[in-house]
C-alpha atoms as a PDB file:
ATOM      1  CA  MET A   1       8.867  25.271 -10.436  1.00  0.00           C
ATOM      2  CA  ARG A   2      12.319  23.724 -10.968  1.00  0.00           C
ATOM      3  CA  GLN A   3      10.709  20.561 -12.308  1.00  0.00           C
ATOM      4  CA  ARG A   4       8.712  22.600 -14.831  1.00  0.00           C
ATOM      5  CA  ILE A   5      11.800  24.492 -15.991  1.00  0.00           C
ATOM      6  CA  GLY A   6      13.721  21.227 -16.377  1.00  0.00           C
ATOM      7  CA  ILE A   7      10.930  19.730 -18.474  1.00  0.00           C
ATOM      8  CA  VAL A   8      10.771  22.790 -20.704  1.00  0.00           C
ATOM      9  CA  GLN A   9      14.558  22.774 -21.150  1.00  0.00           C
ATOM     10  CA  ALA A  10      14.471  19.118 -22.167  1.00  0.00           C
ATOM     11  CA  LEU A  11      11.841  19.851 -24.839  1.00  0.00           C
ATOM     12  CA  LEU A  12      13.392  23.004 -26.336  1.00  0.00           C
ATOM     13  CA  ASN A  13      15.099  21.359 -29.309  1.00  0.00           C
ATOM     14  CA  ASP A  14      12.260  18.902 -29.987  1.00  0.00           C
ATOM     15  CA  PRO A  15      14.333  15.765 -29.310  1.00  0.00           C
ATOM     16  CA  LYS A  16      13.358  12.411 -30.838  1.00  0.00           C
ATOM     17  CA  ILE A  17      14.334  10.619 -27.610  1.00  0.00           C
ATOM     18  CA  LEU A  18      13.501  12.047 -24.200  1.00  0.00           C
ATOM     19  CA  ILE A  19      15.055  10.566 -21.046  1.00  0.00           C
ATOM     20  CA  VAL A  20      13.516  11.625 -17.739  1.00  0.00           C
ATOM     21  CA  ASP A  21      14.694  10.495 -14.306  1.00  0.00           C
ATOM     22  CA  GLU A  22      12.182  10.705 -11.467  1.00  0.00           C
ATOM     23  CA  PRO A  23      10.344  13.599 -13.147  1.00  0.00           C
ATOM     24  CA  THR A  24       7.380  13.694 -10.759  1.00  0.00           C
ATOM     25  CA  VAL A  25       9.279  13.680  -7.463  1.00  0.00           C
ATOM     26  CA  GLY A  26       8.168  16.656  -5.419  1.00  0.00           C
ATOM     27  CA  LEU A  27       5.115  17.398  -7.563  1.00  0.00           C
ATOM     28  CA  ASP A  28       1.639  17.470  -6.085  1.00  0.00           C
ATOM     29  CA  LEU A  29      -1.084  15.172  -7.444  1.00  0.00           C
ATOM     30  CA  ASN A  30      -2.425  17.716  -9.966  1.00  0.00           C
ATOM     31  CA  GLU A  31       1.037  18.456 -11.352  1.00  0.00           C
ATOM     32  CA  ARG A  32       1.801  14.730 -11.584  1.00  0.00           C
ATOM     33  CA  MET A  33      -1.367  14.235 -13.605  1.00  0.00           C
ATOM     34  CA  ASN A  34      -0.446  17.186 -15.851  1.00  0.00           C
ATOM     35  CA  PHE A  35       2.999  15.679 -16.406  1.00  0.00           C
ATOM     36  CA  ARG A  36       1.509  12.273 -17.247  1.00  0.00           C
ATOM     37  CA  ASN A  37      -0.772  13.907 -19.804  1.00  0.00           C
ATOM     38  CA  LEU A  38       2.196  15.743 -21.299  1.00  0.00           C
ATOM     39  CA  ILE A  39       4.255  12.542 -21.537  1.00  0.00           C
ATOM     40  CA  ASN A  40       1.337  10.707 -23.133  1.00  0.00           C
ATOM     41  CA  SER A  41       0.872  13.410 -25.761  1.00  0.00           C
ATOM     42  CA  LEU A  42       4.616  13.585 -26.501  1.00  0.00           C
ATOM     43  CA  SER A  43       4.943   9.811 -26.821  1.00  0.00           C
ATOM     44  CA  LYS A  44       3.033   9.795 -30.093  1.00  0.00           C
ATOM     45  CA  ASP A  45       6.131  10.934 -32.017  1.00  0.00           C
ATOM     46  CA  LYS A  46       8.995  10.440 -29.531  1.00  0.00           C
ATOM     47  CA  ILE A  47      10.672   7.674 -27.631  1.00  0.00           C
ATOM     48  CA  ILE A  48      10.407   8.429 -23.933  1.00  0.00           C
ATOM     49  CA  ILE A  49      12.535   6.652 -21.366  1.00  0.00           C
ATOM     50  CA  LEU A  50      11.110   7.165 -17.899  1.00  0.00           C
ATOM     51  CA  SER A  51      12.996   6.156 -14.769  1.00  0.00           C
ATOM     52  CA  THR A  52      10.791   6.159 -11.682  1.00  0.00           C
ATOM     53  CA  HIS A  53       9.763   4.187  -8.641  1.00  0.00           C
ATOM     54  CA  ILE A  54       6.189   5.520  -8.748  1.00  0.00           C
ATOM     55  CA  VAL A  55       4.217   2.624 -10.199  1.00  0.00           C
ATOM     56  CA  SER A  56       1.127   4.694 -11.002  1.00  0.00           C
ATOM     57  CA  ASP A  57       3.216   6.984 -13.246  1.00  0.00           C
ATOM     58  CA  VAL A  58       4.416   3.994 -15.254  1.00  0.00           C
ATOM     59  CA  GLU A  59       1.059   2.257 -15.264  1.00  0.00           C
ATOM     60  CA  SER A  60      -0.740   5.271 -16.731  1.00  0.00           C
ATOM     61  CA  SER A  61       1.958   6.187 -19.266  1.00  0.00           C
ATOM     62  CA  ALA A  62       3.754   3.118 -20.570  1.00  0.00           C
ATOM     63  CA  GLU A  63       2.783   0.589 -23.213  1.00  0.00           C
ATOM     64  CA  LYS A  64       5.923  -1.475 -22.684  1.00  0.00           C
ATOM     65  CA  ILE A  65       8.035  -1.767 -19.567  1.00  0.00           C
ATOM     66  CA  VAL A  66      11.697  -2.622 -19.138  1.00  0.00           C
ATOM     67  CA  LEU A  67      12.881  -3.649 -15.685  1.00  0.00           C
ATOM     68  CA  MET A  68      16.608  -3.596 -15.046  1.00  0.00           C
ATOM     69  CA  ASN A  69      18.760  -4.393 -12.045  1.00  0.00           C
ATOM     70  CA  LYS A  70      22.445  -3.425 -11.993  1.00  0.00           C
ATOM     71  CA  GLY A  71      22.441  -3.035 -15.769  1.00  0.00           C
ATOM     72  CA  LYS A  72      20.884  -6.437 -16.460  1.00  0.00           C
ATOM     73  CA  LEU A  73      17.556  -6.857 -18.207  1.00  0.00           C
ATOM     74  CA  ILE A  74      15.016  -8.534 -15.940  1.00  0.00           C
ATOM     75  CA  CYS A  75      11.829  -8.032 -17.914  1.00  0.00           C
ATOM     76  CA  TYR A  76      10.673  -6.472 -21.184  1.00  0.00           C
ATOM     77  CA  CYS A  77       6.940  -6.783 -21.682  1.00  0.00           C
ATOM     78  CA  LYS A  78       3.646  -5.001 -22.036  1.00  0.00           C
ATOM     79  CA  ASN A  79       2.229  -3.279 -18.976  1.00  0.00           C
ATOM     80  CA  GLU A  80      -0.624  -5.783 -18.583  1.00  0.00           C
ATOM     81  CA  GLU A  81       1.706  -8.791 -18.872  1.00  0.00           C
ATOM     82  CA  LEU A  82       3.893  -7.525 -16.043  1.00  0.00           C
ATOM     83  CA  LEU A  83       0.931  -6.760 -13.801  1.00  0.00           C
ATOM     84  CA  ASN A  84      -0.585 -10.193 -14.489  1.00  0.00           C
ATOM     85  CA  SER A  85       2.703 -11.958 -13.698  1.00  0.00           C
ATOM     86  CA  LEU A  86       2.928 -10.155 -10.356  1.00  0.00           C
ATOM     87  CA  GLU A  87      -0.669 -10.742  -9.317  1.00  0.00           C
ATOM     88  CA  GLY A  88      -0.820 -12.097  -5.794  1.00  0.00           C
ATOM     89  CA  ASN A  89       2.887 -11.403  -5.163  1.00  0.00           C
ATOM     90  CA  VAL A  90       2.775  -7.708  -4.415  1.00  0.00           C
END
């Protein structure tokens, strides 16, 4: 319930940029899927920055991925390009 309230609070003023940090932690599978659908629908007219370690959340939501480590850019590419470059290494 706290996650839902936090999401609603973030959307109240219809921001152009939405930054979410680990938004699906603690949600069950159905709620994670609902959140993904919400993010996908919002991304049509907003920039959404999603910080997460859950690869399936990124894979289903992102068109482009930025990987950073200690503030340094490691990778900026399309989802498919990243997955192809990691094939056989993960």
